[in-house]
Amino acid sequence: MKRVEKLNVKIFADGADKAGMLEMYKKSYIKGLTTNPTLMKKAGITDYRSFCKNILSDVKDKPLSFEVFSDDFPEMERQAMEIASWGENVYVKIPVTNTKQEPCYGLVKKLTAKKVKVNVTAIMTLGQVRDVVASLEPSVPSYVSVFAGRIADTGRDPVPMMAAAVELMKVVPRAELIWASPRELLNIFQANAIGCHIITVTNDILKKLPMVDYDLDEYSLDTVKMFYVDAQSAGYKI
């Protein structure tokens, strides 16, 4: 864990289970939290506003991102302004396009001009990164969230793209790049190596952090023991 705490990349916990979110919030190496409507639906959340405000009653000193859920830009703006009013540590997640693939850049420009801290999400191309960066107000803190894990799901290596995104964002020093949707613990170290500012990590991956630098001979033996015990307990015979 000491190696993890020395990393430059900031680890944000990604989830919608209140108990799990608060458990991670209390850990010194967790620097912020994020959630989204899909995670909230899976967690059984039915009252969006109530859930968000409830979490904010406990999380006041670390950034927390909540997402708008309209497909209409004027309504997105209304939702964003309300969400932003819930706390100084709140970032408003704005999808990079709506479902008609109409880009959000005008809305981002309008919101950041009003000093709203945005987290532009669901980004998957460098063109999107470039256009989002051009829409930001340089003096306002913001996040640019690239779904590196989903890019990897398509058979593409996300590392070169994320490294290029780091370079593109140097013109907006108050904006931070997020490596979103990681698939494995290794992604934390990859993000750190290229200078990515933040990585959002789900609890199932965060629970693997004690495995960092675990002795591989011991891990091999643990695996052999697991196979043996499971075969014995199943009563297999040949």
C-alpha atoms as a PDB file:
ATOM      1  CA  MET A   1       0.000   0.000   0.000  1.00  0.00           C
ATOM      2  CA  LYS A   2       2.947   2.348   0.576  1.00  0.00           C
ATOM      3  CA  ARG A   3       3.785   2.072  -3.133  1.00  0.00           C
ATOM      4  CA  VAL A   4       0.223   3.066  -4.041  1.00  0.00           C
ATOM      5  CA  GLU A   5       0.280   6.105  -1.753  1.00  0.00           C
ATOM      6  CA  LYS A   6       3.458   7.333  -3.480  1.00  0.00           C
ATOM      7  CA  LEU A   7       1.818   7.424  -6.918  1.00  0.00           C
ATOM      8  CA  ASN A   8       1.237  10.790  -8.580  1.00  0.00           C
ATOM      9  CA  VAL A   9      -2.040   9.701 -10.193  1.00  0.00           C
ATOM     10  CA  LYS A  10      -5.012  10.366  -7.927  1.00  0.00           C
ATOM     11  CA  ILE A  11      -7.326   7.409  -7.271  1.00  0.00           C
ATOM     12  CA  PHE A  12     -11.052   8.168  -7.250  1.00  0.00           C
ATOM     13  CA  ALA A  13     -13.530   5.543  -6.041  1.00  0.00           C
ATOM     14  CA  ASP A  14     -16.318   4.848  -8.543  1.00  0.00           C
ATOM     15  CA  GLY A  15     -19.586   3.438  -7.211  1.00  0.00           C
ATOM     16  CA  ALA A  16     -23.135   4.014  -5.977  1.00  0.00           C
ATOM     17  CA  ASP A  17     -23.366   1.883  -2.856  1.00  0.00           C
ATOM     18  CA  LYS A  18     -23.350   4.345   0.053  1.00  0.00           C
ATOM     19  CA  ALA A  19     -21.600   2.023   2.503  1.00  0.00           C
ATOM     20  CA  GLY A  20     -18.916   1.173  -0.070  1.00  0.00           C
ATOM     21  CA  MET A  21     -18.478   4.814  -1.070  1.00  0.00           C
ATOM     22  CA  LEU A  22     -18.027   5.939   2.533  1.00  0.00           C
ATOM     23  CA  GLU A  23     -15.652   3.051   3.237  1.00  0.00           C
ATOM     24  CA  MET A  24     -13.410   4.206   0.392  1.00  0.00           C
ATOM     25  CA  TYR A  25     -13.843   7.904   1.236  1.00  0.00           C
ATOM     26  CA  LYS A  26     -12.209   7.296   4.622  1.00  0.00           C
ATOM     27  CA  LYS A  27      -9.044   5.886   3.029  1.00  0.00           C
ATOM     28  CA  SER A  28      -6.221   8.400   2.663  1.00  0.00           C
ATOM     29  CA  TYR A  29      -5.259   7.203  -0.822  1.00  0.00           C
ATOM     30  CA  ILE A  30      -8.766   7.840  -2.190  1.00  0.00           C
ATOM     31  CA  LYS A  31      -8.744  11.462  -3.354  1.00  0.00           C
ATOM     32  CA  GLY A  32     -12.295  11.741  -4.713  1.00  0.00           C
ATOM     33  CA  LEU A  33     -15.464   9.869  -5.672  1.00  0.00           C
ATOM     34  CA  THR A  34     -17.615   9.480  -8.782  1.00  0.00           C
ATOM     35  CA  THR A  35     -20.886   7.813  -9.667  1.00  0.00           C
ATOM     36  CA  ASN A  36     -23.280   7.650 -12.637  1.00  0.00           C
ATOM     37  CA  PRO A  37     -26.945   6.823 -13.342  1.00  0.00           C
ATOM     38  CA  THR A  38     -26.160   3.243 -14.426  1.00  0.00           C
ATOM     39  CA  LEU A  39     -24.320   2.451 -11.191  1.00  0.00           C
ATOM     40  CA  MET A  40     -27.084   4.137  -9.197  1.00  0.00           C
ATOM     41  CA  LYS A  41     -29.777   2.091 -10.942  1.00  0.00           C
ATOM     42  CA  LYS A  42     -27.845  -1.140 -10.231  1.00  0.00           C
ATOM     43  CA  ALA A  43     -27.600  -0.105  -6.585  1.00  0.00           C
ATOM     44  CA  GLY A  44     -31.374   0.328  -6.406  1.00  0.00           C
ATOM     45  CA  ILE A  45     -31.318   4.119  -6.007  1.00  0.00           C
ATOM     46  CA  THR A  46     -34.768   5.563  -6.782  1.00  0.00           C
ATOM     47  CA  ASP A  47     -34.498   9.162  -5.507  1.00  0.00           C
ATOM     48  CA  TYR A  48     -31.573  10.778  -7.335  1.00  0.00           C
ATOM     49  CA  ARG A  49     -31.512  14.107  -5.504  1.00  0.00           C
ATOM     50  CA  SER A  50     -31.946  12.544  -2.070  1.00  0.00           C
ATOM     51  CA  PHE A  51     -29.138  10.021  -2.634  1.00  0.00           C
ATOM     52  CA  CYS A  52     -26.679  12.658  -3.847  1.00  0.00           C
ATOM     53  CA  LYS A  53     -27.398  15.059  -0.998  1.00  0.00           C
ATOM     54  CA  ASN A  54     -27.178  12.212   1.503  1.00  0.00           C
ATOM     55  CA  ILE A  55     -23.677  11.309   0.291  1.00  0.00           C
ATOM     56  CA  LEU A  56     -22.668  14.972   0.355  1.00  0.00           C
ATOM     57  CA  SER A  57     -23.680  15.222   4.014  1.00  0.00           C
ATOM     58  CA  ASP A  58     -20.729  12.908   4.746  1.00  0.00           C
ATOM     59  CA  VAL A  59     -18.328  13.827   1.920  1.00  0.00           C
ATOM     60  CA  LYS A  60     -17.456  17.504   2.157  1.00  0.00           C
ATOM     61  CA  ASP A  61     -13.691  17.608   1.653  1.00  0.00           C
ATOM     62  CA  LYS A  62     -13.132  15.468  -1.448  1.00  0.00           C
ATOM     63  CA  PRO A  63     -14.470  16.060  -4.984  1.00  0.00           C
ATOM     64  CA  LEU A  64     -17.637  14.190  -5.911  1.00  0.00           C
ATOM     65  CA  SER A  65     -19.061  13.896  -9.440  1.00  0.00           C
ATOM     66  CA  PHE A  66     -22.792  13.521 -10.197  1.00  0.00           C
ATOM     67  CA  GLU A  67     -24.211  13.233 -13.716  1.00  0.00           C
ATOM     68  CA  VAL A  68     -27.048  14.976 -15.529  1.00  0.00           C
ATOM     69  CA  PHE A  69     -29.467  12.573 -17.194  1.00  0.00           C
ATOM     70  CA  SER A  70     -31.443  14.598 -19.727  1.00  0.00           C
ATOM     71  CA  ASP A  71     -31.021  14.188 -23.499  1.00  0.00           C
ATOM     72  CA  ASP A  72     -31.976  17.825 -24.087  1.00  0.00           C
ATOM     73  CA  PHE A  73     -29.283  20.480 -23.674  1.00  0.00           C
ATOM     74  CA  PRO A  74     -31.474  23.181 -22.021  1.00  0.00           C
ATOM     75  CA  GLU A  75     -32.678  20.610 -19.488  1.00  0.00           C
ATOM     76  CA  MET A  76     -29.100  19.373 -19.017  1.00  0.00           C
ATOM     77  CA  GLU A  77     -28.133  22.944 -18.210  1.00  0.00           C
ATOM     78  CA  ARG A  78     -30.948  23.272 -15.655  1.00  0.00           C
ATOM     79  CA  GLN A  79     -29.971  19.985 -14.000  1.00  0.00           C
ATOM     80  CA  ALA A  80     -26.292  20.952 -14.036  1.00  0.00           C
ATOM     81  CA  MET A  81     -26.958  24.252 -12.282  1.00  0.00           C
ATOM     82  CA  GLU A  82     -28.952  22.537  -9.549  1.00  0.00           C
ATOM     83  CA  ILE A  83     -26.374  19.773  -9.067  1.00  0.00           C
ATOM     84  CA  ALA A  84     -23.583  22.361  -8.885  1.00  0.00           C
ATOM     85  CA  SER A  85     -25.475  24.192  -6.139  1.00  0.00           C
ATOM     86  CA  TRP A  86     -25.300  21.150  -3.845  1.00  0.00           C
ATOM     87  CA  GLY A  87     -21.704  21.779  -2.759  1.00  0.00           C
ATOM     88  CA  GLU A  88     -18.363  23.404  -3.502  1.00  0.00           C
ATOM     89  CA  ASN A  89     -16.810  19.965  -3.962  1.00  0.00           C
ATOM     90  CA  VAL A  90     -19.349  18.914  -6.625  1.00  0.00           C
ATOM     91  CA  TYR A  91     -18.377  18.349 -10.262  1.00  0.00           C
ATOM     92  CA  VAL A  92     -21.205  17.969 -12.771  1.00  0.00           C
ATOM     93  CA  LYS A  93     -20.819  15.092 -15.232  1.00  0.00           C
ATOM     94  CA  ILE A  94     -21.846  16.090 -18.757  1.00  0.00           C
ATOM     95  CA  PRO A  95     -21.869  13.381 -21.474  1.00  0.00           C
ATOM     96  CA  VAL A  96     -19.705  14.324 -24.447  1.00  0.00           C
ATOM     97  CA  THR A  97     -22.772  13.967 -26.729  1.00  0.00           C
ATOM     98  CA  ASN A  98     -26.468  13.292 -26.284  1.00  0.00           C
ATOM     99  CA  THR A  99     -28.056  10.117 -27.695  1.00  0.00           C
ATOM    100  CA  LYS A 100     -28.427  11.833 -31.109  1.00  0.00           C
ATOM    101  CA  GLN A 101     -24.615  12.253 -31.148  1.00  0.00           C
ATOM    102  CA  GLU A 102     -24.974  16.028 -30.887  1.00  0.00           C
ATOM    103  CA  PRO A 103     -21.838  17.308 -29.096  1.00  0.00           C
ATOM    104  CA  CYS A 104     -21.984  18.960 -25.692  1.00  0.00           C
ATOM    105  CA  TYR A 105     -19.264  21.538 -26.349  1.00  0.00           C
ATOM    106  CA  GLY A 106     -21.594  24.555 -26.382  1.00  0.00           C
ATOM    107  CA  LEU A 107     -23.125  23.502 -23.076  1.00  0.00           C
ATOM    108  CA  VAL A 108     -19.692  22.946 -21.524  1.00  0.00           C
ATOM    109  CA  LYS A 109     -18.619  26.416 -22.655  1.00  0.00           C
ATOM    110  CA  LYS A 110     -21.758  27.950 -21.173  1.00  0.00           C
ATOM    111  CA  LEU A 111     -21.478  26.104 -17.852  1.00  0.00           C
ATOM    112  CA  THR A 112     -17.791  26.732 -17.289  1.00  0.00           C
ATOM    113  CA  ALA A 113     -18.335  30.422 -18.107  1.00  0.00           C
ATOM    114  CA  LYS A 114     -20.716  30.348 -15.113  1.00  0.00           C
ATOM    115  CA  LYS A 115     -17.928  28.811 -12.985  1.00  0.00           C
ATOM    116  CA  VAL A 116     -19.571  25.366 -12.886  1.00  0.00           C
ATOM    117  CA  LYS A 117     -17.002  22.615 -12.384  1.00  0.00           C
ATOM    118  CA  VAL A 118     -17.726  20.003 -15.060  1.00  0.00           C
ATOM    119  CA  ASN A 119     -16.645  16.416 -15.604  1.00  0.00           C
ATOM    120  CA  VAL A 120     -17.088  15.749 -19.327  1.00  0.00           C
ATOM    121  CA  THR A 121     -17.659  12.012 -19.584  1.00  0.00           C
ATOM    122  CA  ALA A 122     -17.897   9.084 -22.039  1.00  0.00           C
ATOM    123  CA  ILE A 123     -15.050  10.431 -24.195  1.00  0.00           C
ATOM    124  CA  MET A 124     -13.390   7.887 -26.493  1.00  0.00           C
ATOM    125  CA  THR A 125     -11.447   9.809 -29.158  1.00  0.00           C
ATOM    126  CA  LEU A 126      -8.671  12.379 -29.243  1.00  0.00           C
ATOM    127  CA  GLY A 127     -10.889  14.562 -31.419  1.00  0.00           C
ATOM    128  CA  GLN A 128     -13.406  14.685 -28.570  1.00  0.00           C
ATOM    129  CA  VAL A 129     -10.655  15.505 -26.087  1.00  0.00           C
ATOM    130  CA  ARG A 130      -9.423  18.343 -28.312  1.00  0.00           C
ATOM    131  CA  ASP A 131     -12.916  19.831 -28.705  1.00  0.00           C
ATOM    132  CA  VAL A 132     -13.727  19.540 -25.005  1.00  0.00           C
ATOM    133  CA  VAL A 133     -10.456  21.259 -24.091  1.00  0.00           C
ATOM    134  CA  ALA A 134     -11.309  24.097 -26.483  1.00  0.00           C
ATOM    135  CA  SER A 135     -14.677  24.516 -24.728  1.00  0.00           C
ATOM    136  CA  LEU A 136     -13.359  24.782 -21.172  1.00  0.00           C
ATOM    137  CA  GLU A 137     -12.872  27.989 -19.241  1.00  0.00           C
ATOM    138  CA  PRO A 138      -9.159  27.772 -18.325  1.00  0.00           C
ATOM    139  CA  SER A 139      -9.632  29.386 -14.913  1.00  0.00           C
ATOM    140  CA  VAL A 140     -12.284  26.869 -13.760  1.00  0.00           C
ATOM    141  CA  PRO A 141     -11.328  23.402 -12.431  1.00  0.00           C
ATOM    142  CA  SER A 142     -12.677  20.598 -14.616  1.00  0.00           C
ATOM    143  CA  TYR A 143     -12.280  16.923 -15.480  1.00  0.00           C
ATOM    144  CA  VAL A 144     -11.970  15.334 -18.921  1.00  0.00           C
ATOM    145  CA  SER A 145     -12.983  11.696 -18.575  1.00  0.00           C
ATOM    146  CA  VAL A 146     -11.713   9.283 -21.241  1.00  0.00           C
ATOM    147  CA  PHE A 147     -13.089   5.746 -21.043  1.00  0.00           C
ATOM    148  CA  ALA A 148      -9.781   3.964 -21.508  1.00  0.00           C
ATOM    149  CA  GLY A 149     -11.195   0.636 -20.337  1.00  0.00           C
ATOM    150  CA  ARG A 150     -13.904   0.665 -22.981  1.00  0.00           C
ATOM    151  CA  ILE A 151     -11.317   1.604 -25.606  1.00  0.00           C
ATOM    152  CA  ALA A 152      -9.332  -1.472 -24.517  1.00  0.00           C
ATOM    153  CA  ASP A 153     -12.498  -3.572 -24.857  1.00  0.00           C
ATOM    154  CA  THR A 154     -12.372  -2.863 -28.615  1.00  0.00           C
ATOM    155  CA  GLY A 155      -8.901  -4.378 -28.931  1.00  0.00           C
ATOM    156  CA  ARG A 156      -7.133  -1.009 -28.998  1.00  0.00           C
ATOM    157  CA  ASP A 157      -4.293  -0.116 -26.638  1.00  0.00           C
ATOM    158  CA  PRO A 158      -5.506   2.975 -24.726  1.00  0.00           C
ATOM    159  CA  VAL A 159      -2.074   3.954 -23.405  1.00  0.00           C
ATOM    160  CA  PRO A 160      -0.836   5.910 -26.481  1.00  0.00           C
ATOM    161  CA  MET A 161      -4.140   7.748 -26.727  1.00  0.00           C
ATOM    162  CA  MET A 162      -4.148   8.629 -23.028  1.00  0.00           C
ATOM    163  CA  ALA A 163      -0.550   9.867 -23.299  1.00  0.00           C
ATOM    164  CA  ALA A 164      -1.573  12.078 -26.224  1.00  0.00           C
ATOM    165  CA  ALA A 165      -4.558  13.357 -24.227  1.00  0.00           C
ATOM    166  CA  VAL A 166      -2.204  14.398 -21.414  1.00  0.00           C
ATOM    167  CA  GLU A 167      -0.329  16.552 -23.938  1.00  0.00           C
ATOM    168  CA  LEU A 168      -3.522  18.078 -25.366  1.00  0.00           C
ATOM    169  CA  MET A 169      -4.621  19.164 -21.912  1.00  0.00           C
ATOM    170  CA  LYS A 170      -1.509  21.146 -21.085  1.00  0.00           C
ATOM    171  CA  VAL A 171      -3.200  24.292 -22.444  1.00  0.00           C
ATOM    172  CA  VAL A 172      -5.799  24.080 -19.650  1.00  0.00           C
ATOM    173  CA  PRO A 173      -3.717  23.594 -16.472  1.00  0.00           C
ATOM    174  CA  ARG A 174      -6.745  23.613 -14.148  1.00  0.00           C
ATOM    175  CA  ALA A 175      -8.325  20.701 -16.049  1.00  0.00           C
ATOM    176  CA  GLU A 176      -7.428  17.125 -15.129  1.00  0.00           C
ATOM    177  CA  LEU A 177      -7.520  14.016 -17.288  1.00  0.00           C
ATOM    178  CA  ILE A 178      -9.399  10.998 -15.923  1.00  0.00           C
ATOM    179  CA  TRP A 179      -8.572   7.422 -16.964  1.00  0.00           C
ATOM    180  CA  ALA A 180     -12.090   6.015 -16.651  1.00  0.00           C
ATOM    181  CA  SER A 181     -13.445   2.449 -16.630  1.00  0.00           C
ATOM    182  CA  PRO A 182     -10.194   0.616 -15.774  1.00  0.00           C
ATOM    183  CA  ARG A 183     -10.296  -3.151 -16.173  1.00  0.00           C
ATOM    184  CA  GLU A 184      -7.439  -4.210 -13.883  1.00  0.00           C
ATOM    185  CA  LEU A 185      -5.111  -2.988 -11.156  1.00  0.00           C
ATOM    186  CA  LEU A 186      -2.279  -2.592 -13.685  1.00  0.00           C
ATOM    187  CA  ASN A 187      -4.201   0.324 -15.237  1.00  0.00           C
ATOM    188  CA  ILE A 188      -3.475   2.450 -12.145  1.00  0.00           C
ATOM    189  CA  PHE A 189       0.266   2.099 -12.760  1.00  0.00           C
ATOM    190  CA  GLN A 190      -0.137   2.661 -16.513  1.00  0.00           C
ATOM    191  CA  ALA A 191      -2.071   5.862 -15.848  1.00  0.00           C
ATOM    192  CA  ASN A 192       0.604   7.015 -13.415  1.00  0.00           C
ATOM    193  CA  ALA A 193       3.427   6.284 -15.870  1.00  0.00           C
ATOM    194  CA  ILE A 194       2.015   8.545 -18.595  1.00  0.00           C
ATOM    195  CA  GLY A 195       1.202  11.432 -16.255  1.00  0.00           C
ATOM    196  CA  CYS A 196      -2.582  10.988 -16.219  1.00  0.00           C
ATOM    197  CA  HIS A 197      -3.997  13.034 -13.348  1.00  0.00           C
ATOM    198  CA  ILE A 198      -6.818  10.784 -12.075  1.00  0.00           C
ATOM    199  CA  ILE A 199      -8.088   7.226 -12.428  1.00  0.00           C
ATOM    200  CA  THR A 200     -11.587   6.202 -11.353  1.00  0.00           C
ATOM    201  CA  VAL A 201     -11.621   2.714  -9.853  1.00  0.00           C
ATOM    202  CA  THR A 202     -14.522   0.499  -8.783  1.00  0.00           C
ATOM    203  CA  ASN A 203     -14.531  -1.202  -5.385  1.00  0.00           C
ATOM    204  CA  ASP A 204     -13.933  -4.670  -6.848  1.00  0.00           C
ATOM    205  CA  ILE A 205     -10.607  -3.484  -8.283  1.00  0.00           C
ATOM    206  CA  LEU A 206      -9.753  -1.375  -5.226  1.00  0.00           C
ATOM    207  CA  LYS A 207     -10.059  -4.488  -3.061  1.00  0.00           C
ATOM    208  CA  LYS A 208      -7.102  -5.937  -4.991  1.00  0.00           C
ATOM    209  CA  LEU A 209      -4.755  -3.165  -3.831  1.00  0.00           C
ATOM    210  CA  PRO A 210      -3.236  -5.341  -1.066  1.00  0.00           C
ATOM    211  CA  MET A 211      -1.939  -7.580  -3.898  1.00  0.00           C
ATOM    212  CA  VAL A 212       0.426  -4.866  -5.148  1.00  0.00           C
ATOM    213  CA  ASP A 213       3.983  -6.265  -5.078  1.00  0.00           C
ATOM    214  CA  TYR A 214       2.774  -9.596  -3.656  1.00  0.00           C
ATOM    215  CA  ASP A 215       5.477 -12.257  -4.041  1.00  0.00           C
ATOM    216  CA  LEU A 216       4.780 -14.183  -7.275  1.00  0.00           C
ATOM    217  CA  ASP A 217       6.144 -17.485  -5.914  1.00  0.00           C
ATOM    218  CA  GLU A 218       3.682 -17.187  -3.024  1.00  0.00           C
ATOM    219  CA  TYR A 219       0.906 -16.271  -5.451  1.00  0.00           C
ATOM    220  CA  SER A 220       1.727 -19.363  -7.519  1.00  0.00           C
ATOM    221  CA  LEU A 221       1.526 -21.541  -4.419  1.00  0.00           C
ATOM    222  CA  ASP A 222      -1.771 -19.916  -3.374  1.00  0.00           C
ATOM    223  CA  THR A 223      -3.195 -20.770  -6.783  1.00  0.00           C
ATOM    224  CA  VAL A 224      -2.044 -24.398  -6.638  1.00  0.00           C
ATOM    225  CA  LYS A 225      -3.600 -24.742  -3.176  1.00  0.00           C
ATOM    226  CA  MET A 226      -6.868 -23.274  -4.434  1.00  0.00           C
ATOM    227  CA  PHE A 227      -7.078 -25.821  -7.283  1.00  0.00           C
ATOM    228  CA  TYR A 228      -6.258 -28.681  -4.889  1.00  0.00           C
ATOM    229  CA  VAL A 229      -8.767 -27.662  -2.215  1.00  0.00           C
ATOM    230  CA  ASP A 230     -11.542 -27.112  -4.731  1.00  0.00           C
ATOM    231  CA  ALA A 231     -10.922 -30.495  -6.385  1.00  0.00           C
ATOM    232  CA  GLN A 232     -10.948 -32.241  -2.997  1.00  0.00           C
ATOM    233  CA  SER A 233     -14.077 -30.472  -1.781  1.00  0.00           C
ATOM    234  CA  ALA A 234     -15.860 -31.352  -5.051  1.00  0.00           C
ATOM    235  CA  GLY A 235     -14.992 -35.029  -4.513  1.00  0.00           C
ATOM    236  CA  TYR A 236     -13.603 -35.479  -8.004  1.00  0.00           C
ATOM    237  CA  LYS A 237     -12.355 -38.957  -9.003  1.00  0.00           C
ATOM    238  CA  ILE A 238     -10.845 -40.361 -12.177  1.00  0.00           C
END
